[in-house]
mmCIF file of all heavy atoms, coordinates in Angstrom:
data_MODEL
# 
_entry.id   MODEL 
# 
loop_
_atom_site.group_PDB 
_atom_site.id 
_atom_site.type_symbol 
_atom_site.label_atom_id 
_atom_site.label_alt_id 
_atom_site.label_comp_id 
_atom_site.label_asym_id 
_atom_site.label_entity_id 
_atom_site.label_seq_id 
_atom_site.pdbx_PDB_ins_code 
_atom_site.Cartn_x 
_atom_site.Cartn_y 
_atom_site.Cartn_z 
_atom_site.occupancy 
_atom_site.B_iso_or_equiv 
_atom_site.pdbx_formal_charge 
_atom_site.auth_seq_id 
_atom_site.auth_comp_id 
_atom_site.auth_asym_id 
_atom_site.auth_atom_id 
_atom_site.pdbx_PDB_model_num 
ATOM 1   N N   . ASP A 1 1  ? 0.828  -1.198 0.000   1.00 0.00 ? 1  ASP A N   1 
ATOM 2   C CA  . ASP A 1 1  ? 0.000  0.000  0.000   1.00 0.00 ? 1  ASP A CA  1 
ATOM 3   C C   . ASP A 1 1  ? 0.866  1.253  0.000   1.00 0.00 ? 1  ASP A C   1 
ATOM 4   O O   . ASP A 1 1  ? 0.606  2.198  -0.747  1.00 0.00 ? 1  ASP A O   1 
ATOM 5   C CB  . ASP A 1 1  ? -0.943 -0.010 1.207   1.00 0.00 ? 1  ASP A CB  1 
ATOM 6   C CG  . ASP A 1 1  ? -1.860 1.192  1.212   1.00 0.00 ? 1  ASP A CG  1 
ATOM 7   O OD1 . ASP A 1 1  ? -2.566 1.411  0.210   1.00 0.00 ? 1  ASP A OD1 1 
ATOM 8   O OD2 . ASP A 1 1  ? -1.874 1.926  2.221   1.00 0.00 ? 1  ASP A OD2 1 
ATOM 9   N N   . GLN A 1 2  ? 1.906  1.255  0.820   1.00 0.00 ? 2  GLN A N   1 
ATOM 10  C CA  . GLN A 1 2  ? 2.795  2.412  0.890   1.00 0.00 ? 2  GLN A CA  1 
ATOM 11  C C   . GLN A 1 2  ? 3.499  2.639  -0.448  1.00 0.00 ? 2  GLN A C   1 
ATOM 12  O O   . GLN A 1 2  ? 3.597  3.765  -0.926  1.00 0.00 ? 2  GLN A O   1 
ATOM 13  C CB  . GLN A 1 2  ? 3.813  2.222  2.001   1.00 0.00 ? 2  GLN A CB  1 
ATOM 14  C CG  . GLN A 1 2  ? 4.720  3.419  2.194   1.00 0.00 ? 2  GLN A CG  1 
ATOM 15  C CD  . GLN A 1 2  ? 5.717  3.202  3.331   1.00 0.00 ? 2  GLN A CD  1 
ATOM 16  O OE1 . GLN A 1 2  ? 5.763  2.147  3.942   1.00 0.00 ? 2  GLN A OE1 1 
ATOM 17  N NE2 . GLN A 1 2  ? 6.506  4.212  3.600   1.00 0.00 ? 2  GLN A NE2 1 
ATOM 18  N N   . THR A 1 3  ? 3.967  1.567  -1.065  1.00 0.00 ? 3  THR A N   1 
ATOM 19  C CA  . THR A 1 3  ? 4.641  1.675  -2.360  1.00 0.00 ? 3  THR A CA  1 
ATOM 20  C C   . THR A 1 3  ? 3.688  2.218  -3.420  1.00 0.00 ? 3  THR A C   1 
ATOM 21  O O   . THR A 1 3  ? 4.040  3.110  -4.195  1.00 0.00 ? 3  THR A O   1 
ATOM 22  C CB  . THR A 1 3  ? 5.194  0.298  -2.791  1.00 0.00 ? 3  THR A CB  1 
ATOM 23  O OG1 . THR A 1 3  ? 6.106  -0.163 -1.788  1.00 0.00 ? 3  THR A OG1 1 
ATOM 24  C CG2 . THR A 1 3  ? 5.899  0.367  -4.138  1.00 0.00 ? 3  THR A CG2 1 
ATOM 25  N N   . LEU A 1 4  ? 2.458  1.692  -3.444  1.00 0.00 ? 4  LEU A N   1 
ATOM 26  C CA  . LEU A 1 4  ? 1.475  2.174  -4.419  1.00 0.00 ? 4  LEU A CA  1 
ATOM 27  C C   . LEU A 1 4  ? 1.111  3.634  -4.180  1.00 0.00 ? 4  LEU A C   1 
ATOM 28  O O   . LEU A 1 4  ? 0.882  4.380  -5.135  1.00 0.00 ? 4  LEU A O   1 
ATOM 29  C CB  . LEU A 1 4  ? 0.219  1.297  -4.383  1.00 0.00 ? 4  LEU A CB  1 
ATOM 30  C CG  . LEU A 1 4  ? 0.401  -0.129 -4.884  1.00 0.00 ? 4  LEU A CG  1 
ATOM 31  C CD1 . LEU A 1 4  ? -0.867 -0.943 -4.667  1.00 0.00 ? 4  LEU A CD1 1 
ATOM 32  C CD2 . LEU A 1 4  ? 0.823  -0.164 -6.340  1.00 0.00 ? 4  LEU A CD2 1 
ATOM 33  N N   . ALA A 1 5  ? 1.064  4.051  -2.913  1.00 0.00 ? 5  ALA A N   1 
ATOM 34  C CA  . ALA A 1 5  ? 0.767  5.456  -2.607  1.00 0.00 ? 5  ALA A CA  1 
ATOM 35  C C   . ALA A 1 5  ? 1.840  6.372  -3.173  1.00 0.00 ? 5  ALA A C   1 
ATOM 36  O O   . ALA A 1 5  ? 1.533  7.448  -3.717  1.00 0.00 ? 5  ALA A O   1 
ATOM 37  C CB  . ALA A 1 5  ? 0.645  5.642  -1.095  1.00 0.00 ? 5  ALA A CB  1 
ATOM 38  N N   . ILE A 1 6  ? 3.087  5.951  -3.073  1.00 0.00 ? 6  ILE A N   1 
ATOM 39  C CA  . ILE A 1 6  ? 4.186  6.754  -3.612  1.00 0.00 ? 6  ILE A CA  1 
ATOM 40  C C   . ILE A 1 6  ? 4.078  6.844  -5.132  1.00 0.00 ? 6  ILE A C   1 
ATOM 41  O O   . ILE A 1 6  ? 4.169  7.927  -5.716  1.00 0.00 ? 6  ILE A O   1 
ATOM 42  C CB  . ILE A 1 6  ? 5.552  6.175  -3.186  1.00 0.00 ? 6  ILE A CB  1 
ATOM 43  C CG1 . ILE A 1 6  ? 5.727  6.327  -1.676  1.00 0.00 ? 6  ILE A CG1 1 
ATOM 44  C CG2 . ILE A 1 6  ? 6.691  6.855  -3.944  1.00 0.00 ? 6  ILE A CG2 1 
ATOM 45  C CD1 . ILE A 1 6  ? 6.921  5.581  -1.112  1.00 0.00 ? 6  ILE A CD1 1 
ATOM 46  N N   . TYR A 1 7  ? 3.854  5.693  -5.779  1.00 0.00 ? 7  TYR A N   1 
ATOM 47  C CA  . TYR A 1 7  ? 3.715  5.719  -7.242  1.00 0.00 ? 7  TYR A CA  1 
ATOM 48  C C   . TYR A 1 7  ? 2.527  6.561  -7.671  1.00 0.00 ? 7  TYR A C   1 
ATOM 49  O O   . TYR A 1 7  ? 2.603  7.307  -8.652  1.00 0.00 ? 7  TYR A O   1 
ATOM 50  C CB  . TYR A 1 7  ? 3.583  4.298  -7.801  1.00 0.00 ? 7  TYR A CB  1 
ATOM 51  C CG  . TYR A 1 7  ? 4.906  3.592  -7.939  1.00 0.00 ? 7  TYR A CG  1 
ATOM 52  C CD1 . TYR A 1 7  ? 5.217  2.487  -7.170  1.00 0.00 ? 7  TYR A CD1 1 
ATOM 53  C CD2 . TYR A 1 7  ? 5.862  4.040  -8.847  1.00 0.00 ? 7  TYR A CD2 1 
ATOM 54  C CE1 . TYR A 1 7  ? 6.437  1.836  -7.297  1.00 0.00 ? 7  TYR A CE1 1 
ATOM 55  C CE2 . TYR A 1 7  ? 7.085  3.404  -8.985  1.00 0.00 ? 7  TYR A CE2 1 
ATOM 56  C CZ  . TYR A 1 7  ? 7.358  2.309  -8.200  1.00 0.00 ? 7  TYR A CZ  1 
ATOM 57  O OH  . TYR A 1 7  ? 8.567  1.676  -8.337  1.00 0.00 ? 7  TYR A OH  1 
ATOM 58  N N   . GLN A 1 8  ? 1.432  6.446  -6.950  1.00 0.00 ? 8  GLN A N   1 
ATOM 59  C CA  . GLN A 1 8  ? 0.245  7.216  -7.297  1.00 0.00 ? 8  GLN A CA  1 
ATOM 60  C C   . GLN A 1 8  ? 0.534  8.717  -7.181  1.00 0.00 ? 8  GLN A C   1 
ATOM 61  O O   . GLN A 1 8  ? 0.145  9.503  -8.046  1.00 0.00 ? 8  GLN A O   1 
ATOM 62  C CB  . GLN A 1 8  ? -0.907 6.828  -6.385  1.00 0.00 ? 8  GLN A CB  1 
ATOM 63  C CG  . GLN A 1 8  ? -2.220 7.434  -6.797  1.00 0.00 ? 8  GLN A CG  1 
ATOM 64  C CD  . GLN A 1 8  ? -3.356 6.962  -5.913  1.00 0.00 ? 8  GLN A CD  1 
ATOM 65  O OE1 . GLN A 1 8  ? -3.147 6.322  -4.887  1.00 0.00 ? 8  GLN A OE1 1 
ATOM 66  N NE2 . GLN A 1 8  ? -4.559 7.299  -6.315  1.00 0.00 ? 8  GLN A NE2 1 
ATOM 67  N N   . GLN A 1 9  ? 1.261  9.097  -6.157  1.00 0.00 ? 9  GLN A N   1 
ATOM 68  C CA  . GLN A 1 9  ? 1.610  10.498 -5.970  1.00 0.00 ? 9  GLN A CA  1 
ATOM 69  C C   . GLN A 1 9  ? 2.534  10.990 -7.095  1.00 0.00 ? 9  GLN A C   1 
ATOM 70  O O   . GLN A 1 9  ? 2.363  12.101 -7.584  1.00 0.00 ? 9  GLN A O   1 
ATOM 71  C CB  . GLN A 1 9  ? 2.284  10.660 -4.607  1.00 0.00 ? 9  GLN A CB  1 
ATOM 72  C CG  . GLN A 1 9  ? 2.247  12.056 -4.066  1.00 0.00 ? 9  GLN A CG  1 
ATOM 73  C CD  . GLN A 1 9  ? 2.669  12.090 -2.609  1.00 0.00 ? 9  GLN A CD  1 
ATOM 74  O OE1 . GLN A 1 9  ? 3.065  11.088 -2.034  1.00 0.00 ? 9  GLN A OE1 1 
ATOM 75  N NE2 . GLN A 1 9  ? 2.597  13.257 -2.026  1.00 0.00 ? 9  GLN A NE2 1 
ATOM 76  N N   . ILE A 1 10 ? 3.465  10.153 -7.488  1.00 0.00 ? 10 ILE A N   1 
ATOM 77  C CA  . ILE A 1 10 ? 4.377  10.530 -8.584  1.00 0.00 ? 10 ILE A CA  1 
ATOM 78  C C   . ILE A 1 10 ? 3.590  10.669 -9.879  1.00 0.00 ? 10 ILE A C   1 
ATOM 79  O O   . ILE A 1 10 ? 3.738  11.654 -10.613 1.00 0.00 ? 10 ILE A O   1 
ATOM 80  C CB  . ILE A 1 10 ? 5.510  9.492  -8.745  1.00 0.00 ? 10 ILE A CB  1 
ATOM 81  C CG1 . ILE A 1 10 ? 6.444  9.527  -7.532  1.00 0.00 ? 10 ILE A CG1 1 
ATOM 82  C CG2 . ILE A 1 10 ? 6.300  9.745  -10.031 1.00 0.00 ? 10 ILE A CG2 1 
ATOM 83  C CD1 . ILE A 1 10 ? 7.409  8.358  -7.464  1.00 0.00 ? 10 ILE A CD1 1 
ATOM 84  N N   . LEU A 1 11 ? 2.754  9.682  -10.185 1.00 0.00 ? 11 LEU A N   1 
ATOM 85  C CA  . LEU A 1 11 ? 2.023  9.697  -11.456 1.00 0.00 ? 11 LEU A CA  1 
ATOM 86  C C   . LEU A 1 11 ? 1.044  10.860 -11.546 1.00 0.00 ? 11 LEU A C   1 
ATOM 87  O O   . LEU A 1 11 ? 0.873  11.436 -12.626 1.00 0.00 ? 11 LEU A O   1 
ATOM 88  C CB  . LEU A 1 11 ? 1.293  8.367  -11.665 1.00 0.00 ? 11 LEU A CB  1 
ATOM 89  C CG  . LEU A 1 11 ? 2.184  7.135  -11.849 1.00 0.00 ? 11 LEU A CG  1 
ATOM 90  C CD1 . LEU A 1 11 ? 1.344  5.892  -12.078 1.00 0.00 ? 11 LEU A CD1 1 
ATOM 91  C CD2 . LEU A 1 11 ? 3.186  7.323  -12.976 1.00 0.00 ? 11 LEU A CD2 1 
ATOM 92  N N   . THR A 1 12 ? 0.396  11.207 -10.441 1.00 0.00 ? 12 THR A N   1 
ATOM 93  C CA  . THR A 1 12 ? -0.544 12.329 -10.498 1.00 0.00 ? 12 THR A CA  1 
ATOM 94  C C   . THR A 1 12 ? 0.168  13.669 -10.680 1.00 0.00 ? 12 THR A C   1 
ATOM 95  O O   . THR A 1 12 ? -0.456 14.634 -11.109 1.00 0.00 ? 12 THR A O   1 
ATOM 96  C CB  . THR A 1 12 ? -1.440 12.390 -9.245  1.00 0.00 ? 12 THR A CB  1 
ATOM 97  O OG1 . THR A 1 12 ? -0.617 12.452 -8.089  1.00 0.00 ? 12 THR A OG1 1 
ATOM 98  C CG2 . THR A 1 12 ? -2.381 11.212 -9.177  1.00 0.00 ? 12 THR A CG2 1 
ATOM 99  N N   . SER A 1 13 ? 1.453  13.711 -10.378 1.00 0.00 ? 13 SER A N   1 
ATOM 100 C CA  . SER A 1 13 ? 2.197  14.957 -10.563 1.00 0.00 ? 13 SER A CA  1 
ATOM 101 C C   . SER A 1 13 ? 2.757  15.081 -11.976 1.00 0.00 ? 13 SER A C   1 
ATOM 102 O O   . SER A 1 13 ? 3.270  16.134 -12.342 1.00 0.00 ? 13 SER A O   1 
ATOM 103 C CB  . SER A 1 13 ? 3.322  15.068 -9.538  1.00 0.00 ? 13 SER A CB  1 
ATOM 104 O OG  . SER A 1 13 ? 4.269  14.051 -9.736  1.00 0.00 ? 13 SER A OG  1 
ATOM 105 N N   . LEU A 1 14 ? 2.657  14.024 -12.769 1.00 0.00 ? 14 LEU A N   1 
ATOM 106 C CA  . LEU A 1 14 ? 3.147  14.071 -14.150 1.00 0.00 ? 14 LEU A CA  1 
ATOM 107 C C   . LEU A 1 14 ? 2.059  14.633 -15.061 1.00 0.00 ? 14 LEU A C   1 
ATOM 108 O O   . LEU A 1 14 ? 0.891  14.282 -14.931 1.00 0.00 ? 14 LEU A O   1 
ATOM 109 C CB  . LEU A 1 14 ? 3.528  12.668 -14.631 1.00 0.00 ? 14 LEU A CB  1 
ATOM 110 C CG  . LEU A 1 14 ? 4.736  12.026 -13.957 1.00 0.00 ? 14 LEU A CG  1 
ATOM 111 C CD1 . LEU A 1 14 ? 4.856  10.564 -14.381 1.00 0.00 ? 14 LEU A CD1 1 
ATOM 112 C CD2 . LEU A 1 14 ? 6.008  12.786 -14.302 1.00 0.00 ? 14 LEU A CD2 1 
ATOM 113 N N   . PRO A 1 15 ? 2.425  15.495 -16.007 1.00 0.00 ? 15 PRO A N   1 
ATOM 114 C CA  . PRO A 1 15 ? 1.423  16.079 -16.898 1.00 0.00 ? 15 PRO A CA  1 
ATOM 115 C C   . PRO A 1 15 ? 0.988  15.151 -18.041 1.00 0.00 ? 15 PRO A C   1 
ATOM 116 O O   . PRO A 1 15 ? 0.069  15.473 -18.769 1.00 0.00 ? 15 PRO A O   1 
ATOM 117 C CB  . PRO A 1 15 ? 2.127  17.323 -17.447 1.00 0.00 ? 15 PRO A CB  1 
ATOM 118 C CG  . PRO A 1 15 ? 3.576  16.985 -17.395 1.00 0.00 ? 15 PRO A CG  1 
ATOM 119 C CD  . PRO A 1 15 ? 3.756  16.083 -16.205 1.00 0.00 ? 15 PRO A CD  1 
ATOM 120 N N   . SER A 1 16 ? 1.609  14.004 -18.162 1.00 0.00 ? 16 SER A N   1 
ATOM 121 C CA  . SER A 1 16 ? 1.315  13.103 -19.273 1.00 0.00 ? 16 SER A CA  1 
ATOM 122 C C   . SER A 1 16 ? -0.075 12.488 -19.148 1.00 0.00 ? 16 SER A C   1 
ATOM 123 O O   . SER A 1 16 ? -0.494 12.058 -18.074 1.00 0.00 ? 16 SER A O   1 
ATOM 124 C CB  . SER A 1 16 ? 2.365  11.979 -19.306 1.00 0.00 ? 16 SER A CB  1 
ATOM 125 O OG  . SER A 1 16 ? 2.010  11.007 -20.259 1.00 0.00 ? 16 SER A OG  1 
ATOM 126 N N   . ARG A 1 17 ? -0.774 12.413 -20.267 1.00 0.00 ? 17 ARG A N   1 
ATOM 127 C CA  . ARG A 1 17 ? -2.095 11.771 -20.270 1.00 0.00 ? 17 ARG A CA  1 
ATOM 128 C C   . ARG A 1 17 ? -1.975 10.254 -20.235 1.00 0.00 ? 17 ARG A C   1 
ATOM 129 O O   . ARG A 1 17 ? -2.950 9.566  -19.959 1.00 0.00 ? 17 ARG A O   1 
ATOM 130 C CB  . ARG A 1 17 ? -2.883 12.210 -21.502 1.00 0.00 ? 17 ARG A CB  1 
ATOM 131 C CG  . ARG A 1 17 ? -3.266 13.668 -21.447 1.00 0.00 ? 17 ARG A CG  1 
ATOM 132 C CD  . ARG A 1 17 ? -4.169 14.049 -22.556 1.00 0.00 ? 17 ARG A CD  1 
ATOM 133 N NE  . ARG A 1 17 ? -3.592 13.665 -23.845 1.00 0.00 ? 17 ARG A NE  1 
ATOM 134 C CZ  . ARG A 1 17 ? -4.063 14.038 -25.004 1.00 0.00 ? 17 ARG A CZ  1 
ATOM 135 N NH1 . ARG A 1 17 ? -5.103 14.817 -25.055 1.00 0.00 ? 17 ARG A NH1 1 
ATOM 136 N NH2 . ARG A 1 17 ? -3.494 13.650 -26.122 1.00 0.00 ? 17 ARG A NH2 1 
ATOM 137 N N   . ASN A 1 18 ? -0.781 9.736  -20.516 1.00 0.00 ? 18 ASN A N   1 
ATOM 138 C CA  . ASN A 1 18 ? -0.577 8.288  -20.504 1.00 0.00 ? 18 ASN A CA  1 
ATOM 139 C C   . ASN A 1 18 ? -0.829 7.671  -19.132 1.00 0.00 ? 18 ASN A C   1 
ATOM 140 O O   . ASN A 1 18 ? -1.179 6.510  -19.027 1.00 0.00 ? 18 ASN A O   1 
ATOM 141 C CB  . ASN A 1 18 ? 0.863  7.931  -20.912 1.00 0.00 ? 18 ASN A CB  1 
ATOM 142 C CG  . ASN A 1 18 ? 1.153  8.252  -22.355 1.00 0.00 ? 18 ASN A CG  1 
ATOM 143 O OD1 . ASN A 1 18 ? 0.266  8.195  -23.196 1.00 0.00 ? 18 ASN A OD1 1 
ATOM 144 N ND2 . ASN A 1 18 ? 2.384  8.601  -22.642 1.00 0.00 ? 18 ASN A ND2 1 
ATOM 145 N N   . VAL A 1 19 ? -0.613 8.444  -18.082 1.00 0.00 ? 19 VAL A N   1 
ATOM 146 C CA  . VAL A 1 19 ? -0.606 7.872  -16.737 1.00 0.00 ? 19 VAL A CA  1 
ATOM 147 C C   . VAL A 1 19 ? -1.890 8.116  -15.945 1.00 0.00 ? 19 VAL A C   1 
ATOM 148 O O   . VAL A 1 19 ? -2.012 7.626  -14.826 1.00 0.00 ? 19 VAL A O   1 
ATOM 149 C CB  . VAL A 1 19 ? 0.608  8.384  -15.937 1.00 0.00 ? 19 VAL A CB  1 
ATOM 150 C CG1 . VAL A 1 19 ? 1.900  7.969  -16.612 1.00 0.00 ? 19 VAL A CG1 1 
ATOM 151 C CG2 . VAL A 1 19 ? 0.558  9.882  -15.752 1.00 0.00 ? 19 VAL A CG2 1 
ATOM 152 N N   . ILE A 1 20 ? -2.838 8.833  -16.490 1.00 0.00 ? 20 ILE A N   1 
ATOM 153 C CA  . ILE A 1 20 ? -4.065 9.148  -15.746 1.00 0.00 ? 20 ILE A CA  1 
ATOM 154 C C   . ILE A 1 20 ? -4.824 7.881  -15.369 1.00 0.00 ? 20 ILE A C   1 
ATOM 155 O O   . ILE A 1 20 ? -5.199 7.684  -14.208 1.00 0.00 ? 20 ILE A O   1 
ATOM 156 C CB  . ILE A 1 20 ? -4.962 10.110 -16.549 1.00 0.00 ? 20 ILE A CB  1 
ATOM 157 C CG1 . ILE A 1 20 ? -4.274 11.459 -16.702 1.00 0.00 ? 20 ILE A CG1 1 
ATOM 158 C CG2 . ILE A 1 20 ? -6.323 10.273 -15.884 1.00 0.00 ? 20 ILE A CG2 1 
ATOM 159 C CD1 . ILE A 1 20 ? -4.972 12.403 -17.672 1.00 0.00 ? 20 ILE A CD1 1 
ATOM 160 N N   . GLN A 1 21 ? -5.065 7.000  -16.326 1.00 0.00 ? 21 GLN A N   1 
ATOM 161 C CA  . GLN A 1 21 ? -5.809 5.771  -16.035 1.00 0.00 ? 21 GLN A CA  1 
ATOM 162 C C   . GLN A 1 21 ? -5.019 4.862  -15.099 1.00 0.00 ? 21 GLN A C   1 
ATOM 163 O O   . GLN A 1 21 ? -5.591 4.221  -14.217 1.00 0.00 ? 21 GLN A O   1 
ATOM 164 C CB  . GLN A 1 21 ? -6.157 5.030  -17.333 1.00 0.00 ? 21 GLN A CB  1 
ATOM 165 C CG  . GLN A 1 21 ? -7.000 3.786  -17.110 1.00 0.00 ? 21 GLN A CG  1 
ATOM 166 C CD  . GLN A 1 21 ? -8.331 4.091  -16.425 1.00 0.00 ? 21 GLN A CD  1 
ATOM 167 O OE1 . GLN A 1 21 ? -9.060 4.962  -16.861 1.00 0.00 ? 21 GLN A OE1 1 
ATOM 168 N NE2 . GLN A 1 21 ? -8.628 3.372  -15.352 1.00 0.00 ? 21 GLN A NE2 1 
ATOM 169 N N   . ILE A 1 22 ? -3.717 4.814  -15.279 1.00 0.00 ? 22 ILE A N   1 
ATOM 170 C CA  . ILE A 1 22 ? -2.888 3.985  -14.398 1.00 0.00 ? 22 ILE A CA  1 
ATOM 171 C C   . ILE A 1 22 ? -2.977 4.497  -12.961 1.00 0.00 ? 22 ILE A C   1 
ATOM 172 O O   . ILE A 1 22 ? -3.097 3.718  -12.011 1.00 0.00 ? 22 ILE A O   1 
ATOM 173 C CB  . ILE A 1 22 ? -1.427 3.944  -14.897 1.00 0.00 ? 22 ILE A CB  1 
ATOM 174 C CG1 . ILE A 1 22 ? -1.372 3.217  -16.248 1.00 0.00 ? 22 ILE A CG1 1 
ATOM 175 C CG2 . ILE A 1 22 ? -0.521 3.269  -13.880 1.00 0.00 ? 22 ILE A CG2 1 
ATOM 176 C CD1 . ILE A 1 22 ? -0.031 3.288  -16.947 1.00 0.00 ? 22 ILE A CD1 1 
ATOM 177 N N   . SER A 1 23 ? -2.963 5.809  -12.791 1.00 0.00 ? 23 SER A N   1 
ATOM 178 C CA  . SER A 1 23 ? -3.095 6.393  -11.457 1.00 0.00 ? 23 SER A CA  1 
ATOM 179 C C   . SER A 1 23 ? -4.452 6.040  -10.841 1.00 0.00 ? 23 SER A C   1 
ATOM 180 O O   . SER A 1 23 ? -4.531 5.697  -9.652  1.00 0.00 ? 23 SER A O   1 
ATOM 181 C CB  . SER A 1 23 ? -2.922 7.915  -11.533 1.00 0.00 ? 23 SER A CB  1 
ATOM 182 O OG  . SER A 1 23 ? -3.083 8.488  -10.271 1.00 0.00 ? 23 SER A OG  1 
ATOM 183 N N   . ASN A 1 24 ? -5.502 6.108  -11.629 1.00 0.00 ? 24 ASN A N   1 
ATOM 184 C CA  . ASN A 1 24 ? -6.833 5.711  -11.144 1.00 0.00 ? 24 ASN A CA  1 
ATOM 185 C C   . ASN A 1 24 ? -6.871 4.232  -10.781 1.00 0.00 ? 24 ASN A C   1 
ATOM 186 O O   . ASN A 1 24 ? -7.483 3.842  -9.776  1.00 0.00 ? 24 ASN A O   1 
ATOM 187 C CB  . ASN A 1 24 ? -7.904 6.018  -12.189 1.00 0.00 ? 24 ASN A CB  1 
ATOM 188 C CG  . ASN A 1 24 ? -8.099 7.503  -12.398 1.00 0.00 ? 24 ASN A CG  1 
ATOM 189 O OD1 . ASN A 1 24 ? -7.800 8.313  -11.521 1.00 0.00 ? 24 ASN A OD1 1 
ATOM 190 N ND2 . ASN A 1 24 ? -8.589 7.874  -13.564 1.00 0.00 ? 24 ASN A ND2 1 
ATOM 191 N N   . ASP A 1 25 ? -6.220 3.407  -11.587 1.00 0.00 ? 25 ASP A N   1 
ATOM 192 C CA  . ASP A 1 25 ? -6.155 1.968  -11.289 1.00 0.00 ? 25 ASP A CA  1 
ATOM 193 C C   . ASP A 1 25 ? -5.408 1.709  -9.979  1.00 0.00 ? 25 ASP A C   1 
ATOM 194 O O   . ASP A 1 25 ? -5.764 0.805  -9.225  1.00 0.00 ? 25 ASP A O   1 
ATOM 195 C CB  . ASP A 1 25 ? -5.471 1.209  -12.433 1.00 0.00 ? 25 ASP A CB  1 
ATOM 196 C CG  . ASP A 1 25 ? -6.324 1.135  -13.688 1.00 0.00 ? 25 ASP A CG  1 
ATOM 197 O OD1 . ASP A 1 25 ? -7.553 1.346  -13.601 1.00 0.00 ? 25 ASP A OD1 1 
ATOM 198 O OD2 . ASP A 1 25 ? -5.762 0.863  -14.763 1.00 0.00 ? 25 ASP A OD2 1 
ATOM 199 N N   . LEU A 1 26 ? -4.364 2.499  -9.727  1.00 0.00 ? 26 LEU A N   1 
ATOM 200 C CA  . LEU A 1 26 ? -3.616 2.342  -8.480  1.00 0.00 ? 26 LEU A CA  1 
ATOM 201 C C   . LEU A 1 26 ? -4.501 2.656  -7.274  1.00 0.00 ? 26 LEU A C   1 
ATOM 202 O O   . LEU A 1 26 ? -4.408 1.992  -6.241  1.00 0.00 ? 26 LEU A O   1 
ATOM 203 C CB  . LEU A 1 26 ? -2.373 3.230  -8.466  1.00 0.00 ? 26 LEU A CB  1 
ATOM 204 C CG  . LEU A 1 26 ? -1.249 2.837  -9.419  1.00 0.00 ? 26 LEU A CG  1 
ATOM 205 C CD1 . LEU A 1 26 ? -0.077 3.805  -9.287  1.00 0.00 ? 26 LEU A CD1 1 
ATOM 206 C CD2 . LEU A 1 26 ? -0.794 1.417  -9.188  1.00 0.00 ? 26 LEU A CD2 1 
ATOM 207 N N   . GLU A 1 27 ? -5.359 3.645  -7.406  1.00 0.00 ? 27 GLU A N   1 
ATOM 208 C CA  . GLU A 1 27 ? -6.304 3.975  -6.331  1.00 0.00 ? 27 GLU A CA  1 
ATOM 209 C C   . GLU A 1 27 ? -7.219 2.779  -6.055  1.00 0.00 ? 27 GLU A C   1 
ATOM 210 O O   . GLU A 1 27 ? -7.434 2.395  -4.909  1.00 0.00 ? 27 GLU A O   1 
ATOM 211 C CB  . GLU A 1 27 ? -7.139 5.192  -6.729  1.00 0.00 ? 27 GLU A CB  1 
ATOM 212 C CG  . GLU A 1 27 ? -8.210 5.561  -5.747  1.00 0.00 ? 27 GLU A CG  1 
ATOM 213 C CD  . GLU A 1 27 ? -7.748 6.586  -4.748  1.00 0.00 ? 27 GLU A CD  1 
ATOM 214 O OE1 . GLU A 1 27 ? -6.773 7.288  -5.022  1.00 0.00 ? 27 GLU A OE1 1 
ATOM 215 O OE2 . GLU A 1 27 ? -8.371 6.653  -3.689  1.00 0.00 ? 27 GLU A OE2 1 
# 
């Protein structure tokens, strides 16, 4: 959970549209 929280935080800070769905999936 902690690892996924870090990745989710990193991905949401990226402006790329490639990672939006991945960030939602991590949630």
